């Protein structure tokens, strides 16, 4: 657990440093050449700095262990800050969309510079490196904050590649493509932001565990023939994991010790076997074998 948060912290710091560097060079070259695509890309880097900062803060809060006021820990901070990231991305993309649309309507031209090409190449290399690193972490640790950053880095690689194409087309006099790319960048950011927002919203609204993980739980339950019936299966997100609870029915002639021993064993098996499960709570009820029904 500690290693997970340390890795996320490192990734967020690298993201802040990398995006700050890109913001500076994109902003300078974008305003000098009046390239709307490059300026839109600079705004995107500004939102990426905010995203990395939110990742750092959210990860720090989420790493705080459970206490008397937060019995299940602080894991949902990851999703609160992921939602903030998505909102910031949407606001940035709307500003960029307006500016790029006006540039296309007014048929504004910009001054080609070899520095536009250089900045695009540097951005692609930087973002591709950050994407590979964060994508590995997001899959390894199932962290939505890092996933959001990873999506940002991946999108930037594609977006800046389009930006590079618009720079090269300007040499042939096709300036309209600059505004089009700016619009594409804005729409792309918005779509990515909405996806992150929905995923964060689902967890904060206590969306139930996915069907595959639920089936894994039932597979373990089914290894205990003494369990006659299972009802009231519920799940609640706890950070990036879940707390689950359900009721099992066992032979009513069993002693209280025997029936609860089954429940304790089952809880341990589930938590040890399924990484997505943070806590398992099982209620035990007697089952009337003779009448084949629960009591």
C-alpha atoms as a PDB file:
ATOM      1  CA  UNK A   1       0.000   0.000   0.000  1.00  0.00           C
ATOM      2  CA  UNK A   2       2.759   2.441   0.967  1.00  0.00           C
ATOM      3  CA  UNK A   3       4.682   1.642  -2.209  1.00  0.00           C
ATOM      4  CA  UNK A   4       1.533   2.389  -4.249  1.00  0.00           C
ATOM      5  CA  UNK A   5       1.229   5.886  -2.861  1.00  0.00           C
ATOM      6  CA  UNK A   6       4.968   6.563  -3.195  1.00  0.00           C
ATOM      7  CA  UNK A   7       4.876   5.600  -6.873  1.00  0.00           C
ATOM      8  CA  UNK A   8       1.863   7.835  -7.518  1.00  0.00           C
ATOM      9  CA  UNK A   9       3.584  10.705  -5.693  1.00  0.00           C
ATOM     10  CA  UNK A  10       6.669  10.333  -7.890  1.00  0.00           C
ATOM     11  CA  UNK A  11       4.553  10.225 -11.061  1.00  0.00           C
ATOM     12  CA  UNK A  12       2.665  13.383 -10.066  1.00  0.00           C
ATOM     13  CA  UNK A  13       5.883  15.293  -9.386  1.00  0.00           C
ATOM     14  CA  UNK A  14       7.341  14.218 -12.733  1.00  0.00           C
ATOM     15  CA  UNK A  15       4.085  15.322 -14.371  1.00  0.00           C
ATOM     16  CA  UNK A  16       4.248  18.778 -12.784  1.00  0.00           C
ATOM     17  CA  UNK A  17       7.873  19.309 -13.851  1.00  0.00           C
ATOM     18  CA  UNK A  18       7.352  17.977 -17.390  1.00  0.00           C
ATOM     19  CA  UNK A  19       4.152  19.933 -18.042  1.00  0.00           C
ATOM     20  CA  UNK A  20       5.572  23.165 -16.604  1.00  0.00           C
ATOM     21  CA  UNK A  21       8.481  22.900 -19.020  1.00  0.00           C
ATOM     22  CA  UNK A  22       6.117  22.271 -21.946  1.00  0.00           C
ATOM     23  CA  UNK A  23       3.775  25.105 -20.923  1.00  0.00           C
ATOM     24  CA  UNK A  24       6.631  27.610 -21.011  1.00  0.00           C
ATOM     25  CA  UNK A  25       8.012  26.637 -24.413  1.00  0.00           C
ATOM     26  CA  UNK A  26       4.563  26.181 -26.015  1.00  0.00           C
ATOM     27  CA  UNK A  27       3.305  29.491 -24.640  1.00  0.00           C
ATOM     28  CA  UNK A  28       6.324  31.456 -25.831  1.00  0.00           C
ATOM     29  CA  UNK A  29       6.388  29.965 -29.348  1.00  0.00           C
ATOM     30  CA  UNK A  30       2.580  29.967 -29.654  1.00  0.00           C
ATOM     31  CA  UNK A  31       2.210  33.680 -28.895  1.00  0.00           C
ATOM     32  CA  UNK A  32       5.228  34.652 -31.031  1.00  0.00           C
ATOM     33  CA  UNK A  33       3.879  32.810 -34.078  1.00  0.00           C
ATOM     34  CA  UNK A  34       0.167  33.360 -33.253  1.00  0.00           C
ATOM     35  CA  UNK A  35      -0.507  29.660 -33.830  1.00  0.00           C
ATOM     36  CA  UNK A  36      -3.922  28.853 -32.304  1.00  0.00           C
ATOM     37  CA  UNK A  37      -3.134  25.148 -32.312  1.00  0.00           C
ATOM     38  CA  UNK A  38       0.064  25.736 -30.316  1.00  0.00           C
ATOM     39  CA  UNK A  39      -1.688  28.159 -27.958  1.00  0.00           C
ATOM     40  CA  UNK A  40      -4.438  25.551 -27.429  1.00  0.00           C
ATOM     41  CA  UNK A  41      -1.706  23.007 -26.748  1.00  0.00           C
ATOM     42  CA  UNK A  42      -0.192  25.406 -24.180  1.00  0.00           C
ATOM     43  CA  UNK A  43      -3.568  25.691 -22.420  1.00  0.00           C
ATOM     44  CA  UNK A  44      -3.694  21.907 -22.419  1.00  0.00           C
ATOM     45  CA  UNK A  45      -0.294  21.798 -20.678  1.00  0.00           C
ATOM     46  CA  UNK A  46      -1.597  24.289 -18.104  1.00  0.00           C
ATOM     47  CA  UNK A  47      -4.522  21.967 -17.353  1.00  0.00           C
ATOM     48  CA  UNK A  48      -2.061  19.066 -17.158  1.00  0.00           C
ATOM     49  CA  UNK A  49      -0.075  20.921 -14.456  1.00  0.00           C
ATOM     50  CA  UNK A  50      -3.284  21.322 -12.486  1.00  0.00           C
ATOM     51  CA  UNK A  51      -4.073  17.632 -13.041  1.00  0.00           C
ATOM     52  CA  UNK A  52      -0.656  16.553 -11.760  1.00  0.00           C
ATOM     53  CA  UNK A  53      -1.011  18.877  -8.752  1.00  0.00           C
ATOM     54  CA  UNK A  54      -4.451  17.451  -7.961  1.00  0.00           C
ATOM     55  CA  UNK A  55      -2.965  13.964  -8.306  1.00  0.00           C
ATOM     56  CA  UNK A  56      -0.282  14.857  -5.770  1.00  0.00           C
ATOM     57  CA  UNK A  57      -2.771  16.320  -3.262  1.00  0.00           C
ATOM     58  CA  UNK A  58      -5.412  13.616  -3.763  1.00  0.00           C
ATOM     59  CA  UNK A  59      -2.841  10.857  -3.406  1.00  0.00           C
ATOM     60  CA  UNK A  60      -1.476  12.403  -0.209  1.00  0.00           C
ATOM     61  CA  UNK A  61      -4.944  12.549   1.366  1.00  0.00           C
ATOM     62  CA  UNK A  62      -5.860   9.046   0.167  1.00  0.00           C
ATOM     63  CA  UNK A  63      -2.697   7.641   1.760  1.00  0.00           C
ATOM     64  CA  UNK A  64      -3.849   8.670   5.261  1.00  0.00           C
ATOM     65  CA  UNK A  65      -4.893   5.505   7.153  1.00  0.00           C
ATOM     66  CA  UNK A  66      -8.338   5.044   8.674  1.00  0.00           C
ATOM     67  CA  UNK A  67      -9.114   6.843  11.918  1.00  0.00           C
ATOM     68  CA  UNK A  68     -12.026   7.426  14.305  1.00  0.00           C
ATOM     69  CA  UNK A  69     -13.655   9.936  11.946  1.00  0.00           C
ATOM     70  CA  UNK A  70     -13.016   7.923   8.763  1.00  0.00           C
ATOM     71  CA  UNK A  71     -13.433   4.257   9.627  1.00  0.00           C
ATOM     72  CA  UNK A  72     -12.885   3.095   6.049  1.00  0.00           C
ATOM     73  CA  UNK A  73      -9.895   5.328   5.377  1.00  0.00           C
ATOM     74  CA  UNK A  74      -9.514   8.257   2.986  1.00  0.00           C
ATOM     75  CA  UNK A  75      -9.338   6.354  -0.302  1.00  0.00           C
ATOM     76  CA  UNK A  76     -12.217   8.210  -1.968  1.00  0.00           C
ATOM     77  CA  UNK A  77     -10.028  11.321  -2.098  1.00  0.00           C
ATOM     78  CA  UNK A  78      -8.607   9.809  -5.288  1.00  0.00           C
ATOM     79  CA  UNK A  79     -12.006  10.117  -6.938  1.00  0.00           C
ATOM     80  CA  UNK A  80     -12.857  13.557  -5.561  1.00  0.00           C
ATOM     81  CA  UNK A  81      -9.641  14.966  -6.994  1.00  0.00           C
ATOM     82  CA  UNK A  82     -10.067  13.023 -10.230  1.00  0.00           C
ATOM     83  CA  UNK A  83     -13.416  14.765 -10.613  1.00  0.00           C
ATOM     84  CA  UNK A  84     -11.749  18.151 -10.022  1.00  0.00           C
ATOM     85  CA  UNK A  85      -9.222  17.270 -12.723  1.00  0.00           C
ATOM     86  CA  UNK A  86     -11.997  16.459 -15.188  1.00  0.00           C
ATOM     87  CA  UNK A  87     -13.832  19.746 -14.478  1.00  0.00           C
ATOM     88  CA  UNK A  88     -10.617  21.743 -15.006  1.00  0.00           C
ATOM     89  CA  UNK A  89     -10.013  19.899 -18.283  1.00  0.00           C
ATOM     90  CA  UNK A  90     -13.520  20.767 -19.514  1.00  0.00           C
ATOM     91  CA  UNK A  91     -13.127  24.473 -18.665  1.00  0.00           C
ATOM     92  CA  UNK A  92      -9.755  24.637 -20.420  1.00  0.00           C
ATOM     93  CA  UNK A  93     -11.110  22.863 -23.490  1.00  0.00           C
ATOM     94  CA  UNK A  94     -14.072  25.255 -23.770  1.00  0.00           C
ATOM     95  CA  UNK A  95     -11.743  28.280 -23.735  1.00  0.00           C
ATOM     96  CA  UNK A  96      -9.567  26.661 -26.382  1.00  0.00           C
ATOM     97  CA  UNK A  97     -12.608  25.742 -28.480  1.00  0.00           C
ATOM     98  CA  UNK A  98     -13.860  29.345 -28.551  1.00  0.00           C
ATOM     99  CA  UNK A  99     -10.430  30.753 -29.508  1.00  0.00           C
ATOM    100  CA  UNK A 100      -9.831  28.146 -32.215  1.00  0.00           C
ATOM    101  CA  UNK A 101     -13.321  28.626 -33.695  1.00  0.00           C
ATOM    102  CA  UNK A 102     -12.813  32.393 -33.909  1.00  0.00           C
ATOM    103  CA  UNK A 103      -9.444  31.829 -35.570  1.00  0.00           C
ATOM    104  CA  UNK A 104     -11.066  29.566 -38.177  1.00  0.00           C
ATOM    105  CA  UNK A 105     -13.966  31.963 -38.821  1.00  0.00           C
ATOM    106  CA  UNK A 106     -11.685  35.001 -39.128  1.00  0.00           C
ATOM    107  CA  UNK A 107      -9.185  33.013 -41.233  1.00  0.00           C
ATOM    108  CA  UNK A 108      -6.288  34.184 -39.078  1.00  0.00           C
ATOM    109  CA  UNK A 109      -2.773  33.395 -40.244  1.00  0.00           C
ATOM    110  CA  UNK A 110       0.326  32.767 -38.172  1.00  0.00           C
ATOM    111  CA  UNK A 111       4.037  32.999 -38.776  1.00  0.00           C
ATOM    112  CA  UNK A 112       5.687  29.667 -39.462  1.00  0.00           C
ATOM    113  CA  UNK A 113       8.775  28.988 -37.408  1.00  0.00           C
ATOM    114  CA  UNK A 114      11.056  25.982 -37.212  1.00  0.00           C
ATOM    115  CA  UNK A 115      10.614  26.355 -33.454  1.00  0.00           C
ATOM    116  CA  UNK A 116       6.992  25.219 -33.844  1.00  0.00           C
ATOM    117  CA  UNK A 117       8.271  21.932 -35.252  1.00  0.00           C
ATOM    118  CA  UNK A 118      10.937  21.601 -32.560  1.00  0.00           C
ATOM    119  CA  UNK A 119       8.445  22.246 -29.754  1.00  0.00           C
ATOM    120  CA  UNK A 120       6.073  19.636 -31.213  1.00  0.00           C
ATOM    121  CA  UNK A 121       8.841  17.019 -31.372  1.00  0.00           C
ATOM    122  CA  UNK A 122      10.028  17.780 -27.814  1.00  0.00           C
ATOM    123  CA  UNK A 123       6.420  17.575 -26.574  1.00  0.00           C
ATOM    124  CA  UNK A 124       5.783  14.239 -28.265  1.00  0.00           C
ATOM    125  CA  UNK A 125       8.952  12.707 -26.800  1.00  0.00           C
ATOM    126  CA  UNK A 126       8.237  14.074 -23.296  1.00  0.00           C
ATOM    127  CA  UNK A 127       4.577  13.073 -23.269  1.00  0.00           C
ATOM    128  CA  UNK A 128       5.201   9.636 -24.742  1.00  0.00           C
ATOM    129  CA  UNK A 129       7.714   8.927 -21.969  1.00  0.00           C
ATOM    130  CA  UNK A 130       5.279  10.121 -19.290  1.00  0.00           C
ATOM    131  CA  UNK A 131       2.442   8.110 -20.850  1.00  0.00           C
ATOM    132  CA  UNK A 132       4.408   4.847 -20.851  1.00  0.00           C
ATOM    133  CA  UNK A 133       5.444   5.383 -17.218  1.00  0.00           C
ATOM    134  CA  UNK A 134       2.008   6.381 -15.890  1.00  0.00           C
ATOM    135  CA  UNK A 135       0.148   3.764 -17.944  1.00  0.00           C
ATOM    136  CA  UNK A 136       2.233   1.011 -16.347  1.00  0.00           C
ATOM    137  CA  UNK A 137       1.535   2.433 -12.880  1.00  0.00           C
ATOM    138  CA  UNK A 138      -2.215   2.859 -13.470  1.00  0.00           C
ATOM    139  CA  UNK A 139      -2.569  -0.782 -14.534  1.00  0.00           C
ATOM    140  CA  UNK A 140      -0.366  -2.082 -11.726  1.00  0.00           C
ATOM    141  CA  UNK A 141      -2.019  -0.122  -8.909  1.00  0.00           C
ATOM    142  CA  UNK A 142      -5.546   0.473 -10.326  1.00  0.00           C
ATOM    143  CA  UNK A 143      -5.329   4.192  -9.548  1.00  0.00           C
ATOM    144  CA  UNK A 144      -7.834   6.538 -11.249  1.00  0.00           C
ATOM    145  CA  UNK A 145      -5.704   9.622 -10.561  1.00  0.00           C
ATOM    146  CA  UNK A 146      -2.773   8.140 -12.448  1.00  0.00           C
ATOM    147  CA  UNK A 147      -5.124   6.786 -15.102  1.00  0.00           C
ATOM    148  CA  UNK A 148      -6.414  10.322 -15.675  1.00  0.00           C
ATOM    149  CA  UNK A 149      -2.850  11.573 -16.028  1.00  0.00           C
ATOM    150  CA  UNK A 150      -1.984   8.692 -18.332  1.00  0.00           C
ATOM    151  CA  UNK A 151      -4.935   9.520 -20.609  1.00  0.00           C
ATOM    152  CA  UNK A 152      -3.797  13.152 -20.648  1.00  0.00           C
ATOM    153  CA  UNK A 153      -0.285  12.179 -21.709  1.00  0.00           C
ATOM    154  CA  UNK A 154      -1.566   9.818 -24.410  1.00  0.00           C
ATOM    155  CA  UNK A 155      -3.949  12.437 -25.798  1.00  0.00           C
ATOM    156  CA  UNK A 156      -1.169  15.005 -25.864  1.00  0.00           C
ATOM    157  CA  UNK A 157       0.981  12.730 -28.030  1.00  0.00           C
ATOM    158  CA  UNK A 158      -1.813  12.429 -30.591  1.00  0.00           C
ATOM    159  CA  UNK A 159      -2.853  16.067 -30.346  1.00  0.00           C
ATOM    160  CA  UNK A 160       0.675  17.403 -30.752  1.00  0.00           C
ATOM    161  CA  UNK A 161       1.194  15.112 -33.737  1.00  0.00           C
ATOM    162  CA  UNK A 162      -1.804  16.829 -35.362  1.00  0.00           C
ATOM    163  CA  UNK A 163      -0.309  20.153 -34.329  1.00  0.00           C
ATOM    164  CA  UNK A 164       2.899  19.207 -36.099  1.00  0.00           C
ATOM    165  CA  UNK A 165       0.947  18.385 -39.255  1.00  0.00           C
ATOM    166  CA  UNK A 166      -0.770  21.798 -39.141  1.00  0.00           C
ATOM    167  CA  UNK A 167       2.640  23.485 -38.852  1.00  0.00           C
ATOM    168  CA  UNK A 168       3.932  21.680 -41.922  1.00  0.00           C
ATOM    169  CA  UNK A 169       0.739  22.388 -43.916  1.00  0.00           C
ATOM    170  CA  UNK A 170       1.127  26.102 -43.196  1.00  0.00           C
ATOM    171  CA  UNK A 171       4.220  26.031 -45.412  1.00  0.00           C
ATOM    172  CA  UNK A 172       1.844  25.210 -48.289  1.00  0.00           C
ATOM    173  CA  UNK A 173      -0.516  28.030 -47.294  1.00  0.00           C
ATOM    174  CA  UNK A 174      -3.156  25.858 -45.614  1.00  0.00           C
ATOM    175  CA  UNK A 175      -3.607  28.001 -42.503  1.00  0.00           C
ATOM    176  CA  UNK A 176      -7.203  26.910 -41.906  1.00  0.00           C
ATOM    177  CA  UNK A 177      -5.960  23.554 -40.633  1.00  0.00           C
ATOM    178  CA  UNK A 178      -4.454  25.324 -37.590  1.00  0.00           C
ATOM    179  CA  UNK A 179      -7.905  26.353 -36.352  1.00  0.00           C
ATOM    180  CA  UNK A 180      -9.321  22.915 -37.143  1.00  0.00           C
ATOM    181  CA  UNK A 181      -6.604  21.221 -35.083  1.00  0.00           C
ATOM    182  CA  UNK A 182      -7.307  23.617 -32.209  1.00  0.00           C
ATOM    183  CA  UNK A 183     -10.976  22.581 -32.312  1.00  0.00           C
ATOM    184  CA  UNK A 184     -10.056  18.885 -32.480  1.00  0.00           C
ATOM    185  CA  UNK A 185      -7.780  19.325 -29.451  1.00  0.00           C
ATOM    186  CA  UNK A 186     -10.587  20.974 -27.487  1.00  0.00           C
ATOM    187  CA  UNK A 187     -13.160  18.289 -28.330  1.00  0.00           C
ATOM    188  CA  UNK A 188     -10.674  15.502 -27.544  1.00  0.00           C
ATOM    189  CA  UNK A 189      -9.919  16.977 -24.119  1.00  0.00           C
ATOM    190  CA  UNK A 190     -13.643  17.354 -23.381  1.00  0.00           C
ATOM    191  CA  UNK A 191     -14.437  13.728 -24.242  1.00  0.00           C
ATOM    192  CA  UNK A 192     -11.559  12.453 -22.089  1.00  0.00           C
ATOM    193  CA  UNK A 193     -12.637  14.703 -19.211  1.00  0.00           C
ATOM    194  CA  UNK A 194     -16.242  13.463 -19.339  1.00  0.00           C
ATOM    195  CA  UNK A 195     -15.050   9.839 -19.159  1.00  0.00           C
ATOM    196  CA  UNK A 196     -12.941  10.589 -16.073  1.00  0.00           C
ATOM    197  CA  UNK A 197     -15.820  12.530 -14.499  1.00  0.00           C
ATOM    198  CA  UNK A 198     -18.238   9.613 -14.990  1.00  0.00           C
ATOM    199  CA  UNK A 199     -15.819   7.086 -13.534  1.00  0.00           C
ATOM    200  CA  UNK A 200     -15.212   9.294 -10.483  1.00  0.00           C
ATOM    201  CA  UNK A 201     -18.936   9.945 -10.110  1.00  0.00           C
ATOM    202  CA  UNK A 202     -19.733   6.222 -10.177  1.00  0.00           C
ATOM    203  CA  UNK A 203     -17.387   5.510  -7.259  1.00  0.00           C
ATOM    204  CA  UNK A 204     -18.510   8.516  -5.205  1.00  0.00           C
ATOM    205  CA  UNK A 205     -22.127   7.435  -5.741  1.00  0.00           C
ATOM    206  CA  UNK A 206     -21.236   3.947  -4.446  1.00  0.00           C
ATOM    207  CA  UNK A 207     -21.543   2.055  -7.714  1.00  0.00           C
ATOM    208  CA  UNK A 208     -21.632  -1.672  -7.041  1.00  0.00           C
ATOM    209  CA  UNK A 209     -18.766  -4.043  -7.724  1.00  0.00           C
ATOM    210  CA  UNK A 210     -18.388  -5.295 -11.305  1.00  0.00           C
ATOM    211  CA  UNK A 211     -19.951  -8.614 -12.273  1.00  0.00           C
ATOM    212  CA  UNK A 212     -16.614 -10.393 -12.840  1.00  0.00           C
ATOM    213  CA  UNK A 213     -15.387  -9.647  -9.319  1.00  0.00           C
ATOM    214  CA  UNK A 214     -18.786 -10.587  -7.874  1.00  0.00           C
ATOM    215  CA  UNK A 215     -18.591 -13.936  -9.677  1.00  0.00           C
ATOM    216  CA  UNK A 216     -15.133 -14.513  -8.177  1.00  0.00           C
ATOM    217  CA  UNK A 217     -16.666 -14.056  -4.717  1.00  0.00           C
ATOM    218  CA  UNK A 218     -19.435 -16.548  -5.499  1.00  0.00           C
ATOM    219  CA  UNK A 219     -16.885 -19.023  -6.841  1.00  0.00           C
ATOM    220  CA  UNK A 220     -15.174 -18.993  -3.444  1.00  0.00           C
ATOM    221  CA  UNK A 221     -18.503 -19.253  -1.610  1.00  0.00           C
ATOM    222  CA  UNK A 222     -19.411 -22.288  -3.715  1.00  0.00           C
ATOM    223  CA  UNK A 223     -16.340 -24.152  -2.435  1.00  0.00           C
ATOM    224  CA  UNK A 224     -18.141 -24.382   0.922  1.00  0.00           C
ATOM    225  CA  UNK A 225     -20.913 -26.973   0.580  1.00  0.00           C
ATOM    226  CA  UNK A 226     -22.099 -26.243   4.113  1.00  0.00           C
ATOM    227  CA  UNK A 227     -23.373 -22.857   2.889  1.00  0.00           C
ATOM    228  CA  UNK A 228     -26.953 -23.480   1.732  1.00  0.00           C
ATOM    229  CA  UNK A 229     -27.942 -20.036   0.531  1.00  0.00           C
ATOM    230  CA  UNK A 230     -26.598 -16.505  -0.001  1.00  0.00           C
ATOM    231  CA  UNK A 231     -28.719 -13.324   0.008  1.00  0.00           C
ATOM    232  CA  UNK A 232     -28.391  -9.557   0.483  1.00  0.00           C
ATOM    233  CA  UNK A 233     -25.102  -9.189  -1.415  1.00  0.00           C
ATOM    234  CA  UNK A 234     -24.018  -5.542  -1.190  1.00  0.00           C
ATOM    235  CA  UNK A 235     -20.828  -3.684  -2.104  1.00  0.00           C
ATOM    236  CA  UNK A 236     -19.468  -0.209  -1.367  1.00  0.00           C
ATOM    237  CA  UNK A 237     -16.384   1.423  -2.911  1.00  0.00           C
ATOM    238  CA  UNK A 238     -13.593   2.182  -0.451  1.00  0.00           C
ATOM    239  CA  UNK A 239     -11.019   4.108  -2.439  1.00  0.00           C
ATOM    240  CA  UNK A 240      -9.892   1.847  -5.252  1.00  0.00           C
ATOM    241  CA  UNK A 241     -11.222  -1.277  -3.479  1.00  0.00           C
ATOM    242  CA  UNK A 242     -14.584  -2.489  -2.189  1.00  0.00           C
ATOM    243  CA  UNK A 243     -16.218  -3.465   1.056  1.00  0.00           C
ATOM    244  CA  UNK A 244     -18.726  -6.273   0.533  1.00  0.00           C
ATOM    245  CA  UNK A 245     -21.358  -7.789   2.791  1.00  0.00           C
ATOM    246  CA  UNK A 246     -23.823 -10.623   2.448  1.00  0.00           C
ATOM    247  CA  UNK A 247     -25.831 -13.132   4.450  1.00  0.00           C
ATOM    248  CA  UNK A 248     -25.178 -16.864   4.383  1.00  0.00           C
ATOM    249  CA  UNK A 249     -27.462 -19.667   5.554  1.00  0.00           C
ATOM    250  CA  UNK A 250     -26.009 -22.780   7.201  1.00  0.00           C
ATOM    251  CA  UNK A 251     -27.496 -25.799   8.943  1.00  0.00           C
ATOM    252  CA  UNK A 252     -29.531 -24.515  11.876  1.00  0.00           C
ATOM    253  CA  UNK A 253     -28.314 -27.435  13.982  1.00  0.00           C
ATOM    254  CA  UNK A 254     -24.763 -26.121  13.874  1.00  0.00           C
ATOM    255  CA  UNK A 255     -23.333 -24.479  16.966  1.00  0.00           C
ATOM    256  CA  UNK A 256     -22.801 -20.737  16.932  1.00  0.00           C
ATOM    257  CA  UNK A 257     -19.046 -21.329  17.030  1.00  0.00           C
ATOM    258  CA  UNK A 258     -19.099 -23.656  13.986  1.00  0.00           C
ATOM    259  CA  UNK A 259     -21.280 -21.378  11.866  1.00  0.00           C
ATOM    260  CA  UNK A 260     -19.221 -18.284  12.617  1.00  0.00           C
ATOM    261  CA  UNK A 261     -16.014 -20.208  11.999  1.00  0.00           C
ATOM    262  CA  UNK A 262     -17.264 -20.822   8.451  1.00  0.00           C
ATOM    263  CA  UNK A 263     -17.951 -17.098   8.028  1.00  0.00           C
ATOM    264  CA  UNK A 264     -14.519 -16.115   9.391  1.00  0.00           C
ATOM    265  CA  UNK A 265     -12.763 -18.571   7.087  1.00  0.00           C
ATOM    266  CA  UNK A 266     -14.745 -17.348   4.098  1.00  0.00           C
ATOM    267  CA  UNK A 267     -13.927 -13.711   4.866  1.00  0.00           C
ATOM    268  CA  UNK A 268     -10.203 -14.495   4.987  1.00  0.00           C
ATOM    269  CA  UNK A 269     -10.320 -16.481   1.743  1.00  0.00           C
ATOM    270  CA  UNK A 270     -12.107 -13.709  -0.153  1.00  0.00           C
ATOM    271  CA  UNK A 271      -9.800 -10.918   1.049  1.00  0.00           C
ATOM    272  CA  UNK A 272      -6.669 -12.960   0.369  1.00  0.00           C
ATOM    273  CA  UNK A 273      -7.764 -14.169  -3.069  1.00  0.00           C
ATOM    274  CA  UNK A 274      -9.415 -11.081  -4.577  1.00  0.00           C
ATOM    275  CA  UNK A 275      -7.310  -7.927  -4.683  1.00  0.00           C
ATOM    276  CA  UNK A 276     -10.330  -5.679  -5.290  1.00  0.00           C
ATOM    277  CA  UNK A 277     -11.851  -6.586  -1.905  1.00  0.00           C
ATOM    278  CA  UNK A 278     -10.841  -4.399   1.047  1.00  0.00           C
ATOM    279  CA  UNK A 279     -13.227  -5.802   3.675  1.00  0.00           C
ATOM    280  CA  UNK A 280     -15.773  -8.641   3.833  1.00  0.00           C
ATOM    281  CA  UNK A 281     -18.633  -8.670   6.355  1.00  0.00           C
ATOM    282  CA  UNK A 282     -20.750 -11.828   6.573  1.00  0.00           C
ATOM    283  CA  UNK A 283     -23.970 -12.300   8.528  1.00  0.00           C
ATOM    284  CA  UNK A 284     -24.928 -15.873   9.432  1.00  0.00           C
ATOM    285  CA  UNK A 285     -28.510 -17.194   9.560  1.00  0.00           C
ATOM    286  CA  UNK A 286     -29.789 -20.718  10.357  1.00  0.00           C
ATOM    287  CA  UNK A 287     -31.253 -22.868   7.596  1.00  0.00           C
ATOM    288  CA  UNK A 288     -33.944 -25.428   8.416  1.00  0.00           C
ATOM    289  CA  UNK A 289     -32.696 -28.566   6.686  1.00  0.00           C
ATOM    290  CA  UNK A 290     -35.878 -30.572   7.410  1.00  0.00           C
ATOM    291  CA  UNK A 291     -38.223 -27.972   5.916  1.00  0.00           C
ATOM    292  CA  UNK A 292     -35.658 -26.809   3.339  1.00  0.00           C
ATOM    293  CA  UNK A 293     -36.079 -23.158   4.162  1.00  0.00           C
ATOM    294  CA  UNK A 294     -34.414 -20.399   6.117  1.00  0.00           C
ATOM    295  CA  UNK A 295     -35.507 -19.193   9.496  1.00  0.00           C
END
